[in-house]
Amino acid sequence: MAYRGDMSGKFWWFLAGIGAGSVIALLWAPRSGRETRRYISRSVEGAGEYLTEHGQEIMDKGREFAGEAAHLVARGRKLARV
């Protein structure tokens, strides 16, 4: 069996990469912090309004999809027994 080494070192390099990427993203951001927070806030509000308006429709489609999936699984189990 091959030795994989210590994974903790790779984990810390991964975290360092995330940190460096975050700093670079903030420095190169096209908007100021206040504008970015305002943009994110408006986006979240818009998503909330969309879910409020269309939530029941989305849930109904999800239930329909789950029902069809359950039917297909049951059918597959029945065919596997044959």
N, C-alpha and C. Protein backbone atom coordinates (compact mmCIF):
# COMPACT_ATOMS: atom_id res chain seq x y z
N MET A 1 0.85 -1.18 0.00
CA MET A 1 0.00 0.00 0.00
C MET A 1 0.89 1.24 0.00
N ALA A 2 0.58 2.22 -0.79
CA ALA A 2 1.38 3.44 -0.90
C ALA A 2 1.15 4.36 0.29
N TYR A 3 2.21 4.99 0.74
CA TYR A 3 2.12 5.94 1.85
C TYR A 3 1.67 7.30 1.32
N ARG A 4 0.64 7.85 1.92
CA ARG A 4 0.08 9.11 1.43
C ARG A 4 0.68 10.32 2.12
N GLY A 5 1.34 10.15 3.21
CA GLY A 5 1.95 11.27 3.91
C GLY A 5 0.97 11.97 4.84
N ASP A 6 1.46 13.04 5.41
CA ASP A 6 0.67 13.81 6.37
C ASP A 6 -0.23 14.78 5.62
N MET A 7 -1.54 14.65 5.79
CA MET A 7 -2.50 15.50 5.09
C MET A 7 -2.64 16.88 5.74
N SER A 8 -2.18 17.04 7.00
CA SER A 8 -2.36 18.32 7.68
C SER A 8 -1.60 19.43 6.97
N GLY A 9 -0.42 19.12 6.42
CA GLY A 9 0.34 20.13 5.69
C GLY A 9 -0.42 20.62 4.46
N LYS A 10 -1.04 19.72 3.76
CA LYS A 10 -1.82 20.08 2.57
C LYS A 10 -3.03 20.92 2.95
N PHE A 11 -3.62 20.57 4.09
CA PHE A 11 -4.78 21.32 4.56
C PHE A 11 -4.40 22.78 4.83
N TRP A 12 -3.26 22.99 5.49
CA TRP A 12 -2.83 24.37 5.79
C TRP A 12 -2.49 25.14 4.53
N TRP A 13 -1.90 24.48 3.53
CA TRP A 13 -1.64 25.16 2.26
C TRP A 13 -2.95 25.52 1.56
N PHE A 14 -3.93 24.64 1.70
CA PHE A 14 -5.25 24.91 1.13
C PHE A 14 -5.86 26.15 1.78
N LEU A 15 -5.81 26.21 3.12
CA LEU A 15 -6.33 27.39 3.82
C LEU A 15 -5.56 28.65 3.44
N ALA A 16 -4.25 28.55 3.29
CA ALA A 16 -3.44 29.71 2.89
C ALA A 16 -3.87 30.18 1.49
N GLY A 17 -4.15 29.24 0.61
CA GLY A 17 -4.61 29.60 -0.73
C GLY A 17 -5.96 30.31 -0.71
N ILE A 18 -6.85 29.84 0.15
CA ILE A 18 -8.15 30.51 0.30
C ILE A 18 -7.95 31.93 0.80
N GLY A 19 -7.09 32.09 1.80
CA GLY A 19 -6.83 33.42 2.35
C GLY A 19 -6.22 34.35 1.31
N ALA A 20 -5.23 33.87 0.56
CA ALA A 20 -4.60 34.70 -0.46
C ALA A 20 -5.61 35.07 -1.55
N GLY A 21 -6.42 34.12 -1.94
CA GLY A 21 -7.43 34.40 -2.96
C GLY A 21 -8.45 35.42 -2.48
N SER A 22 -8.81 35.34 -1.21
CA SER A 22 -9.77 36.31 -0.65
C SER A 22 -9.19 37.71 -0.64
N VAL A 23 -7.93 37.83 -0.24
CA VAL A 23 -7.29 39.15 -0.22
C VAL A 23 -7.19 39.72 -1.62
N ILE A 24 -6.78 38.92 -2.56
CA ILE A 24 -6.68 39.40 -3.95
C ILE A 24 -8.05 39.81 -4.48
N ALA A 25 -9.07 39.02 -4.17
CA ALA A 25 -10.42 39.35 -4.63
C ALA A 25 -10.88 40.69 -4.06
N LEU A 26 -10.59 40.93 -2.78
CA LEU A 26 -10.99 42.20 -2.17
C LEU A 26 -10.23 43.38 -2.76
N LEU A 27 -8.96 43.18 -3.05
CA LEU A 27 -8.16 44.27 -3.62
C LEU A 27 -8.57 44.61 -5.05
N TRP A 28 -9.03 43.62 -5.78
CA TRP A 28 -9.39 43.83 -7.18
C TRP A 28 -10.89 43.99 -7.39
N ALA A 29 -11.64 44.09 -6.31
CA ALA A 29 -13.09 44.19 -6.41
C ALA A 29 -13.49 45.47 -7.15
N PRO A 30 -14.48 45.39 -8.03
CA PRO A 30 -14.88 46.57 -8.81
C PRO A 30 -15.70 47.58 -8.01
N ARG A 31 -16.17 47.20 -6.83
CA ARG A 31 -16.99 48.09 -6.02
C ARG A 31 -16.34 48.27 -4.65
N SER A 32 -16.76 49.30 -3.96
CA SER A 32 -16.30 49.49 -2.59
C SER A 32 -17.01 48.49 -1.69
N GLY A 33 -16.56 48.38 -0.45
CA GLY A 33 -17.18 47.46 0.49
C GLY A 33 -18.64 47.78 0.72
N ARG A 34 -18.94 49.07 0.89
CA ARG A 34 -20.33 49.48 1.13
C ARG A 34 -21.22 49.13 -0.07
N GLU A 35 -20.72 49.39 -1.29
CA GLU A 35 -21.51 49.06 -2.49
C GLU A 35 -21.69 47.56 -2.62
N THR A 36 -20.64 46.80 -2.30
CA THR A 36 -20.74 45.34 -2.39
C THR A 36 -21.75 44.81 -1.39
N ARG A 37 -21.72 45.30 -0.16
CA ARG A 37 -22.70 44.85 0.84
C ARG A 37 -24.11 45.22 0.42
N ARG A 38 -24.29 46.40 -0.15
CA ARG A 38 -25.61 46.83 -0.63
C ARG A 38 -26.09 45.91 -1.76
N TYR A 39 -25.17 45.58 -2.68
CA TYR A 39 -25.50 44.69 -3.79
C TYR A 39 -25.92 43.31 -3.29
N ILE A 40 -25.15 42.77 -2.33
CA ILE A 40 -25.47 41.46 -1.77
C ILE A 40 -26.81 41.50 -1.05
N SER A 41 -27.04 42.57 -0.29
CA SER A 41 -28.30 42.71 0.45
C SER A 41 -29.49 42.75 -0.50
N ARG A 42 -29.37 43.52 -1.57
CA ARG A 42 -30.47 43.59 -2.55
C ARG A 42 -30.69 42.25 -3.23
N SER A 43 -29.60 41.54 -3.52
CA SER A 43 -29.73 40.23 -4.17
C SER A 43 -30.45 39.25 -3.25
N VAL A 44 -30.09 39.27 -1.98
CA VAL A 44 -30.73 38.36 -1.01
C VAL A 44 -32.21 38.72 -0.87
N GLU A 45 -32.51 40.01 -0.80
CA GLU A 45 -33.91 40.43 -0.71
C GLU A 45 -34.69 39.99 -1.94
N GLY A 46 -34.08 40.15 -3.11
CA GLY A 46 -34.74 39.72 -4.35
C GLY A 46 -34.99 38.23 -4.36
N ALA A 47 -34.02 37.46 -3.89
CA ALA A 47 -34.21 36.01 -3.84
C ALA A 47 -35.31 35.65 -2.85
N GLY A 48 -35.37 36.36 -1.73
CA GLY A 48 -36.43 36.11 -0.75
C GLY A 48 -37.80 36.41 -1.32
N GLU A 49 -37.91 37.52 -2.03
CA GLU A 49 -39.19 37.87 -2.65
C GLU A 49 -39.59 36.83 -3.69
N TYR A 50 -38.62 36.37 -4.49
CA TYR A 50 -38.91 35.35 -5.50
C TYR A 50 -39.42 34.07 -4.83
N LEU A 51 -38.74 33.65 -3.75
CA LEU A 51 -39.17 32.43 -3.07
C LEU A 51 -40.53 32.60 -2.42
N THR A 52 -40.80 33.80 -1.92
CA THR A 52 -42.11 34.05 -1.32
C THR A 52 -43.20 33.94 -2.38
N GLU A 53 -42.94 34.50 -3.56
CA GLU A 53 -43.94 34.48 -4.63
C GLU A 53 -44.08 33.11 -5.28
N HIS A 54 -42.97 32.39 -5.45
CA HIS A 54 -42.98 31.14 -6.21
C HIS A 54 -42.69 29.91 -5.37
N GLY A 55 -42.62 30.06 -4.06
CA GLY A 55 -42.24 28.96 -3.19
C GLY A 55 -43.16 27.76 -3.29
N GLN A 56 -44.46 27.98 -3.29
CA GLN A 56 -45.41 26.86 -3.36
C GLN A 56 -45.26 26.12 -4.67
N GLU A 57 -45.10 26.84 -5.76
CA GLU A 57 -44.91 26.22 -7.07
C GLU A 57 -43.64 25.37 -7.09
N ILE A 58 -42.57 25.89 -6.51
CA ILE A 58 -41.31 25.16 -6.47
C ILE A 58 -41.47 23.90 -5.62
N MET A 59 -42.15 24.00 -4.50
CA MET A 59 -42.36 22.83 -3.64
C MET A 59 -43.22 21.79 -4.34
N ASP A 60 -44.25 22.22 -5.04
CA ASP A 60 -45.10 21.27 -5.76
C ASP A 60 -44.31 20.53 -6.83
N LYS A 61 -43.48 21.24 -7.56
CA LYS A 61 -42.65 20.59 -8.58
C LYS A 61 -41.67 19.62 -7.94
N GLY A 62 -41.11 20.00 -6.79
CA GLY A 62 -40.20 19.11 -6.07
C GLY A 62 -40.89 17.84 -5.61
N ARG A 63 -42.10 17.97 -5.10
CA ARG A 63 -42.86 16.79 -4.67
C ARG A 63 -43.18 15.89 -5.86
N GLU A 64 -43.55 16.50 -6.98
CA GLU A 64 -43.85 15.72 -8.18
C GLU A 64 -42.60 14.96 -8.64
N PHE A 65 -41.46 15.65 -8.64
CA PHE A 65 -40.20 15.02 -9.03
C PHE A 65 -39.85 13.87 -8.09
N ALA A 66 -40.02 14.09 -6.79
CA ALA A 66 -39.72 13.04 -5.81
C ALA A 66 -40.64 11.84 -6.00
N GLY A 67 -41.91 12.10 -6.30
CA GLY A 67 -42.84 11.00 -6.54
C GLY A 67 -42.47 10.18 -7.77
N GLU A 68 -42.07 10.88 -8.83
CA GLU A 68 -41.64 10.17 -10.04
C GLU A 68 -40.38 9.37 -9.78
N ALA A 69 -39.46 9.94 -9.02
CA ALA A 69 -38.22 9.23 -8.69
C ALA A 69 -38.52 7.98 -7.87
N ALA A 70 -39.42 8.09 -6.90
CA ALA A 70 -39.80 6.93 -6.08
C ALA A 70 -40.43 5.85 -6.94
N HIS A 71 -41.26 6.27 -7.88
CA HIS A 71 -41.89 5.30 -8.79
C HIS A 71 -40.84 4.58 -9.63
N LEU A 72 -39.87 5.33 -10.14
CA LEU A 72 -38.82 4.70 -10.96
C LEU A 72 -37.95 3.76 -10.13
N VAL A 73 -37.66 4.13 -8.90
CA VAL A 73 -36.88 3.23 -8.04
C VAL A 73 -37.64 1.96 -7.76
N ALA A 74 -38.93 2.07 -7.46
CA ALA A 74 -39.75 0.87 -7.21
C ALA A 74 -39.80 0.00 -8.46
N ARG A 75 -39.94 0.63 -9.59
CA ARG A 75 -39.98 -0.13 -10.85
C ARG A 75 -38.65 -0.82 -11.11
N GLY A 76 -37.54 -0.13 -10.82
CA GLY A 76 -36.23 -0.73 -10.99
C GLY A 76 -36.02 -1.91 -10.07
N ARG A 77 -36.48 -1.81 -8.83
CA ARG A 77 -36.37 -2.92 -7.89
C ARG A 77 -37.17 -4.12 -8.38
N LYS A 78 -38.36 -3.84 -8.91
CA LYS A 78 -39.21 -4.93 -9.41
C LYS A 78 -38.53 -5.63 -10.60
N LEU A 79 -37.93 -4.85 -11.50
CA LEU A 79 -37.25 -5.44 -12.65
C LEU A 79 -35.99 -6.21 -12.23
N ALA A 80 -35.33 -5.75 -11.16
CA ALA A 80 -34.11 -6.43 -10.70
C ALA A 80 -34.43 -7.79 -10.09
N ARG A 81 -35.62 -7.97 -9.54
CA ARG A 81 -36.01 -9.24 -8.95
C ARG A 81 -36.28 -10.30 -10.00
N VAL A 82 -36.65 -9.91 -11.20
CA VAL A 82 -37.02 -10.85 -12.24
C VAL A 82 -35.85 -11.61 -12.76
